[in-house]
């Protein structure tokens, strides 16, 4: 049986170092000896995402504009965080509160996934928040304009199939979370 080998980094340099975007250019040697001098890696922050479910079995989504694609998307509340400054759990609860005005009574981590490990460095930390309740108004960042949307749990899978919910991390969190809860 052939053993897989990691790629070897020969050189590495930051080619874009901006607070909103960091890109590293690596020169790598593949296991077969071939050299690639322009392999670009996007250095991205960690993401905390929450699957919030109300006591009436509705999932709270946020609808917001996503400029890279130029469209509006239904997503679960989520946001970037720095793991040297706060835990994924603290970040997830903070993002849920800021984007929706809700906090959970019960909260559990369901998974940690890699977003796009071929080119991106970040992970998505997924949490399930049950029996969420409203404690205040949204506290949005300057770049955020968010509509809070409630969808009954039993309708969510149809919305994924119909393409109304189509962001990969959100879809993964829904399937993992609902499976975790045996819905």
C-alpha atoms as a PDB file:
ATOM      1  CA  UNK A   1       0.000   0.000   0.000  1.00  0.00           C
ATOM      2  CA  UNK A   2       1.296   3.432  -0.966  1.00  0.00           C
ATOM      3  CA  UNK A   3       1.674   5.930   1.885  1.00  0.00           C
ATOM      4  CA  UNK A   4       0.496   9.454   1.210  1.00  0.00           C
ATOM      5  CA  UNK A   5       3.025  12.209   1.852  1.00  0.00           C
ATOM      6  CA  UNK A   6       2.547  15.856   2.760  1.00  0.00           C
ATOM      7  CA  UNK A   7       3.676  18.626   0.465  1.00  0.00           C
ATOM      8  CA  UNK A   8       6.942  20.295   1.439  1.00  0.00           C
ATOM      9  CA  UNK A   9       7.010  24.103   1.760  1.00  0.00           C
ATOM     10  CA  UNK A  10      10.245  25.438   0.241  1.00  0.00           C
ATOM     11  CA  UNK A  11       9.444  29.160   0.597  1.00  0.00           C
ATOM     12  CA  UNK A  12       6.544  31.152   1.885  1.00  0.00           C
ATOM     13  CA  UNK A  13       5.710  34.859   1.798  1.00  0.00           C
ATOM     14  CA  UNK A  14       2.709  37.064   2.495  1.00  0.00           C
ATOM     15  CA  UNK A  15       1.641  38.726  -0.750  1.00  0.00           C
ATOM     16  CA  UNK A  16      -1.397  40.494   0.705  1.00  0.00           C
ATOM     17  CA  UNK A  17      -1.542  41.460   4.378  1.00  0.00           C
ATOM     18  CA  UNK A  18      -4.636  43.547   5.010  1.00  0.00           C
ATOM     19  CA  UNK A  19      -6.985  43.352   8.029  1.00  0.00           C
ATOM     20  CA  UNK A  20      -9.802  42.156   5.725  1.00  0.00           C
ATOM     21  CA  UNK A  21      -7.755  39.772   3.581  1.00  0.00           C
ATOM     22  CA  UNK A  22      -4.482  37.889   3.926  1.00  0.00           C
ATOM     23  CA  UNK A  23      -2.932  35.777   1.182  1.00  0.00           C
ATOM     24  CA  UNK A  24       0.243  33.710   1.408  1.00  0.00           C
ATOM     25  CA  UNK A  25       2.226  32.478  -1.603  1.00  0.00           C
ATOM     26  CA  UNK A  26       3.995  29.173  -1.076  1.00  0.00           C
ATOM     27  CA  UNK A  27       6.611  27.487  -3.200  1.00  0.00           C
ATOM     28  CA  UNK A  28       6.006  23.792  -2.662  1.00  0.00           C
ATOM     29  CA  UNK A  29       7.526  20.490  -3.597  1.00  0.00           C
ATOM     30  CA  UNK A  30       4.993  17.767  -4.304  1.00  0.00           C
ATOM     31  CA  UNK A  31       5.694  14.174  -3.216  1.00  0.00           C
ATOM     32  CA  UNK A  32       6.500  13.355  -6.866  1.00  0.00           C
ATOM     33  CA  UNK A  33       9.287  15.992  -6.846  1.00  0.00           C
ATOM     34  CA  UNK A  34       7.459  18.585  -8.967  1.00  0.00           C
ATOM     35  CA  UNK A  35       7.892  22.193  -7.772  1.00  0.00           C
ATOM     36  CA  UNK A  36       4.973  24.640  -7.777  1.00  0.00           C
ATOM     37  CA  UNK A  37       6.101  28.205  -7.100  1.00  0.00           C
ATOM     38  CA  UNK A  38       2.743  29.954  -6.940  1.00  0.00           C
ATOM     39  CA  UNK A  39       0.400  28.067  -4.618  1.00  0.00           C
ATOM     40  CA  UNK A  40      -1.778  30.714  -2.957  1.00  0.00           C
ATOM     41  CA  UNK A  41      -3.352  30.213   0.470  1.00  0.00           C
ATOM     42  CA  UNK A  42      -6.011  32.457   1.986  1.00  0.00           C
ATOM     43  CA  UNK A  43      -5.354  33.038   5.704  1.00  0.00           C
ATOM     44  CA  UNK A  44      -8.842  33.295   7.173  1.00  0.00           C
ATOM     45  CA  UNK A  45     -10.089  33.751  10.739  1.00  0.00           C
ATOM     46  CA  UNK A  46     -11.941  31.056  12.633  1.00  0.00           C
ATOM     47  CA  UNK A  47     -15.745  31.095  12.342  1.00  0.00           C
ATOM     48  CA  UNK A  48     -18.326  30.368  15.052  1.00  0.00           C
ATOM     49  CA  UNK A  49     -21.797  29.403  13.777  1.00  0.00           C
ATOM     50  CA  UNK A  50     -25.006  28.733  15.716  1.00  0.00           C
ATOM     51  CA  UNK A  51     -28.062  26.639  14.888  1.00  0.00           C
ATOM     52  CA  UNK A  52     -30.608  28.468  17.110  1.00  0.00           C
ATOM     53  CA  UNK A  53     -33.923  26.724  17.749  1.00  0.00           C
ATOM     54  CA  UNK A  54     -36.800  28.361  19.599  1.00  0.00           C
ATOM     55  CA  UNK A  55     -39.058  26.546  22.079  1.00  0.00           C
ATOM     56  CA  UNK A  56     -41.720  26.517  19.316  1.00  0.00           C
ATOM     57  CA  UNK A  57     -39.314  24.536  17.071  1.00  0.00           C
ATOM     58  CA  UNK A  58     -38.379  27.317  14.673  1.00  0.00           C
ATOM     59  CA  UNK A  59     -34.838  27.861  13.452  1.00  0.00           C
ATOM     60  CA  UNK A  60     -33.638  31.453  13.490  1.00  0.00           C
ATOM     61  CA  UNK A  61     -31.875  32.494  10.303  1.00  0.00           C
ATOM     62  CA  UNK A  62     -30.346  35.757   9.201  1.00  0.00           C
ATOM     63  CA  UNK A  63     -30.875  37.084   5.681  1.00  0.00           C
ATOM     64  CA  UNK A  64     -28.099  39.332   4.461  1.00  0.00           C
ATOM     65  CA  UNK A  65     -26.374  40.561   1.330  1.00  0.00           C
ATOM     66  CA  UNK A  66     -23.130  38.830   0.342  1.00  0.00           C
ATOM     67  CA  UNK A  67     -21.108  41.109  -1.885  1.00  0.00           C
ATOM     68  CA  UNK A  68     -18.751  38.538  -3.465  1.00  0.00           C
ATOM     69  CA  UNK A  69     -21.754  36.829  -5.093  1.00  0.00           C
ATOM     70  CA  UNK A  70     -23.982  39.913  -5.222  1.00  0.00           C
ATOM     71  CA  UNK A  71     -27.009  38.164  -3.721  1.00  0.00           C
ATOM     72  CA  UNK A  72     -28.970  37.838  -0.473  1.00  0.00           C
ATOM     73  CA  UNK A  73     -28.627  34.582   1.478  1.00  0.00           C
ATOM     74  CA  UNK A  74     -30.411  32.840   4.342  1.00  0.00           C
ATOM     75  CA  UNK A  75     -27.724  31.749   6.790  1.00  0.00           C
ATOM     76  CA  UNK A  76     -27.328  30.770  10.385  1.00  0.00           C
ATOM     77  CA  UNK A  77     -25.924  33.438  12.718  1.00  0.00           C
ATOM     78  CA  UNK A  78     -22.134  33.321  12.540  1.00  0.00           C
ATOM     79  CA  UNK A  79     -19.028  35.412  12.702  1.00  0.00           C
ATOM     80  CA  UNK A  80     -15.268  35.489  12.785  1.00  0.00           C
ATOM     81  CA  UNK A  81     -13.284  35.343  15.990  1.00  0.00           C
ATOM     82  CA  UNK A  82      -9.711  35.287  17.231  1.00  0.00           C
ATOM     83  CA  UNK A  83      -9.120  32.126  19.316  1.00  0.00           C
ATOM     84  CA  UNK A  84      -6.348  33.901  21.250  1.00  0.00           C
ATOM     85  CA  UNK A  85      -8.941  36.392  22.538  1.00  0.00           C
ATOM     86  CA  UNK A  86     -12.115  34.318  22.999  1.00  0.00           C
ATOM     87  CA  UNK A  87     -13.307  30.743  22.759  1.00  0.00           C
ATOM     88  CA  UNK A  88     -15.455  29.489  19.895  1.00  0.00           C
ATOM     89  CA  UNK A  89     -18.359  29.065  22.336  1.00  0.00           C
ATOM     90  CA  UNK A  90     -18.135  32.655  23.604  1.00  0.00           C
ATOM     91  CA  UNK A  91     -17.883  33.929  20.014  1.00  0.00           C
ATOM     92  CA  UNK A  92     -20.907  31.895  18.921  1.00  0.00           C
ATOM     93  CA  UNK A  93     -23.107  33.184  21.744  1.00  0.00           C
ATOM     94  CA  UNK A  94     -21.882  36.742  21.077  1.00  0.00           C
ATOM     95  CA  UNK A  95     -22.678  36.473  17.362  1.00  0.00           C
ATOM     96  CA  UNK A  96     -26.135  35.026  18.046  1.00  0.00           C
ATOM     97  CA  UNK A  97     -26.881  37.905  20.429  1.00  0.00           C
ATOM     98  CA  UNK A  98     -25.476  40.606  18.113  1.00  0.00           C
ATOM     99  CA  UNK A  99     -27.139  39.379  14.902  1.00  0.00           C
ATOM    100  CA  UNK A 100     -30.534  38.352  16.286  1.00  0.00           C
ATOM    101  CA  UNK A 101     -31.020  39.697  19.821  1.00  0.00           C
ATOM    102  CA  UNK A 102     -31.468  36.107  21.103  1.00  0.00           C
ATOM    103  CA  UNK A 103     -29.533  33.997  23.614  1.00  0.00           C
ATOM    104  CA  UNK A 104     -29.767  30.251  24.333  1.00  0.00           C
ATOM    105  CA  UNK A 105     -30.903  28.371  27.418  1.00  0.00           C
ATOM    106  CA  UNK A 106     -29.078  25.229  26.259  1.00  0.00           C
ATOM    107  CA  UNK A 107     -25.901  25.295  24.201  1.00  0.00           C
ATOM    108  CA  UNK A 108     -23.675  22.502  22.882  1.00  0.00           C
ATOM    109  CA  UNK A 109     -20.888  22.159  20.336  1.00  0.00           C
ATOM    110  CA  UNK A 110     -21.841  19.808  17.517  1.00  0.00           C
ATOM    111  CA  UNK A 111     -18.780  19.843  15.246  1.00  0.00           C
ATOM    112  CA  UNK A 112     -15.706  21.593  13.954  1.00  0.00           C
ATOM    113  CA  UNK A 113     -15.336  21.543  10.174  1.00  0.00           C
ATOM    114  CA  UNK A 114     -12.817  22.896   7.698  1.00  0.00           C
ATOM    115  CA  UNK A 115     -14.322  25.351   5.241  1.00  0.00           C
ATOM    116  CA  UNK A 116     -12.111  24.844   2.151  1.00  0.00           C
ATOM    117  CA  UNK A 117      -8.832  23.178   3.212  1.00  0.00           C
ATOM    118  CA  UNK A 118      -7.341  23.187  -0.288  1.00  0.00           C
ATOM    119  CA  UNK A 119      -6.943  26.984  -0.218  1.00  0.00           C
ATOM    120  CA  UNK A 120      -8.236  28.354   3.123  1.00  0.00           C
ATOM    121  CA  UNK A 121      -6.833  27.936   6.647  1.00  0.00           C
ATOM    122  CA  UNK A 122      -9.951  28.405   8.768  1.00  0.00           C
ATOM    123  CA  UNK A 123     -12.326  26.132  10.609  1.00  0.00           C
ATOM    124  CA  UNK A 124     -16.052  26.531  11.273  1.00  0.00           C
ATOM    125  CA  UNK A 125     -17.100  25.740  14.840  1.00  0.00           C
ATOM    126  CA  UNK A 126     -20.759  24.666  14.866  1.00  0.00           C
ATOM    127  CA  UNK A 127     -23.033  24.954  17.893  1.00  0.00           C
ATOM    128  CA  UNK A 128     -26.608  23.991  18.671  1.00  0.00           C
ATOM    129  CA  UNK A 129     -28.592  26.528  20.737  1.00  0.00           C
ATOM    130  CA  UNK A 130     -31.959  25.342  22.037  1.00  0.00           C
ATOM    131  CA  UNK A 131     -34.813  27.248  23.638  1.00  0.00           C
ATOM    132  CA  UNK A 132     -33.421  30.587  22.553  1.00  0.00           C
ATOM    133  CA  UNK A 133     -35.186  33.680  23.808  1.00  0.00           C
ATOM    134  CA  UNK A 134     -35.094  37.324  22.827  1.00  0.00           C
ATOM    135  CA  UNK A 135     -33.230  39.559  25.254  1.00  0.00           C
ATOM    136  CA  UNK A 136     -32.811  42.710  23.194  1.00  0.00           C
ATOM    137  CA  UNK A 137     -32.330  44.272  19.804  1.00  0.00           C
ATOM    138  CA  UNK A 138     -29.673  43.456  17.218  1.00  0.00           C
ATOM    139  CA  UNK A 139     -26.238  45.012  17.711  1.00  0.00           C
ATOM    140  CA  UNK A 140     -24.927  45.034  14.148  1.00  0.00           C
ATOM    141  CA  UNK A 141     -21.479  45.901  12.810  1.00  0.00           C
ATOM    142  CA  UNK A 142     -21.151  48.757  10.342  1.00  0.00           C
ATOM    143  CA  UNK A 143     -21.069  46.315   7.393  1.00  0.00           C
ATOM    144  CA  UNK A 144     -24.149  44.390   8.525  1.00  0.00           C
ATOM    145  CA  UNK A 145     -27.769  44.843   7.557  1.00  0.00           C
ATOM    146  CA  UNK A 146     -29.558  41.718   8.727  1.00  0.00           C
ATOM    147  CA  UNK A 147     -33.154  40.529   8.613  1.00  0.00           C
ATOM    148  CA  UNK A 148     -34.034  37.898  11.239  1.00  0.00           C
ATOM    149  CA  UNK A 149     -36.105  35.060   9.723  1.00  0.00           C
ATOM    150  CA  UNK A 150     -37.915  32.231  11.557  1.00  0.00           C
ATOM    151  CA  UNK A 151     -38.424  28.939   9.700  1.00  0.00           C
ATOM    152  CA  UNK A 152     -40.175  25.903  11.225  1.00  0.00           C
ATOM    153  CA  UNK A 153     -37.795  22.958  11.639  1.00  0.00           C
ATOM    154  CA  UNK A 154     -40.034  20.749   9.487  1.00  0.00           C
ATOM    155  CA  UNK A 155     -39.739  23.195   6.543  1.00  0.00           C
ATOM    156  CA  UNK A 156     -35.963  23.638   6.524  1.00  0.00           C
ATOM    157  CA  UNK A 157     -34.973  20.567   4.498  1.00  0.00           C
ATOM    158  CA  UNK A 158     -37.384  21.535   1.716  1.00  0.00           C
ATOM    159  CA  UNK A 159     -35.835  25.017   1.628  1.00  0.00           C
ATOM    160  CA  UNK A 160     -32.385  23.448   1.199  1.00  0.00           C
ATOM    161  CA  UNK A 161     -33.644  21.207  -1.630  1.00  0.00           C
ATOM    162  CA  UNK A 162     -35.340  24.210  -3.293  1.00  0.00           C
ATOM    163  CA  UNK A 163     -32.095  26.218  -3.072  1.00  0.00           C
ATOM    164  CA  UNK A 164     -33.460  28.857  -0.695  1.00  0.00           C
ATOM    165  CA  UNK A 165     -30.803  27.850   1.853  1.00  0.00           C
ATOM    166  CA  UNK A 166     -27.548  27.240   0.003  1.00  0.00           C
ATOM    167  CA  UNK A 167     -24.516  28.312   2.051  1.00  0.00           C
ATOM    168  CA  UNK A 168     -22.366  25.231   2.737  1.00  0.00           C
ATOM    169  CA  UNK A 169     -21.602  25.858   6.422  1.00  0.00           C
ATOM    170  CA  UNK A 170     -25.253  26.590   7.164  1.00  0.00           C
ATOM    171  CA  UNK A 171     -26.401  23.427   5.381  1.00  0.00           C
ATOM    172  CA  UNK A 172     -23.811  21.326   7.225  1.00  0.00           C
ATOM    173  CA  UNK A 173     -24.833  22.791  10.588  1.00  0.00           C
ATOM    174  CA  UNK A 174     -28.513  22.096   9.888  1.00  0.00           C
ATOM    175  CA  UNK A 175     -27.940  18.458   8.948  1.00  0.00           C
ATOM    176  CA  UNK A 176     -25.545  17.822  11.829  1.00  0.00           C
ATOM    177  CA  UNK A 177     -27.674  19.673  14.367  1.00  0.00           C
ATOM    178  CA  UNK A 178     -30.986  18.105  13.378  1.00  0.00           C
ATOM    179  CA  UNK A 179     -29.358  14.672  13.287  1.00  0.00           C
ATOM    180  CA  UNK A 180     -27.875  15.342  16.720  1.00  0.00           C
ATOM    181  CA  UNK A 181     -31.347  16.178  18.037  1.00  0.00           C
ATOM    182  CA  UNK A 182     -33.011  13.270  16.149  1.00  0.00           C
ATOM    183  CA  UNK A 183     -35.457  15.517  14.261  1.00  0.00           C
END
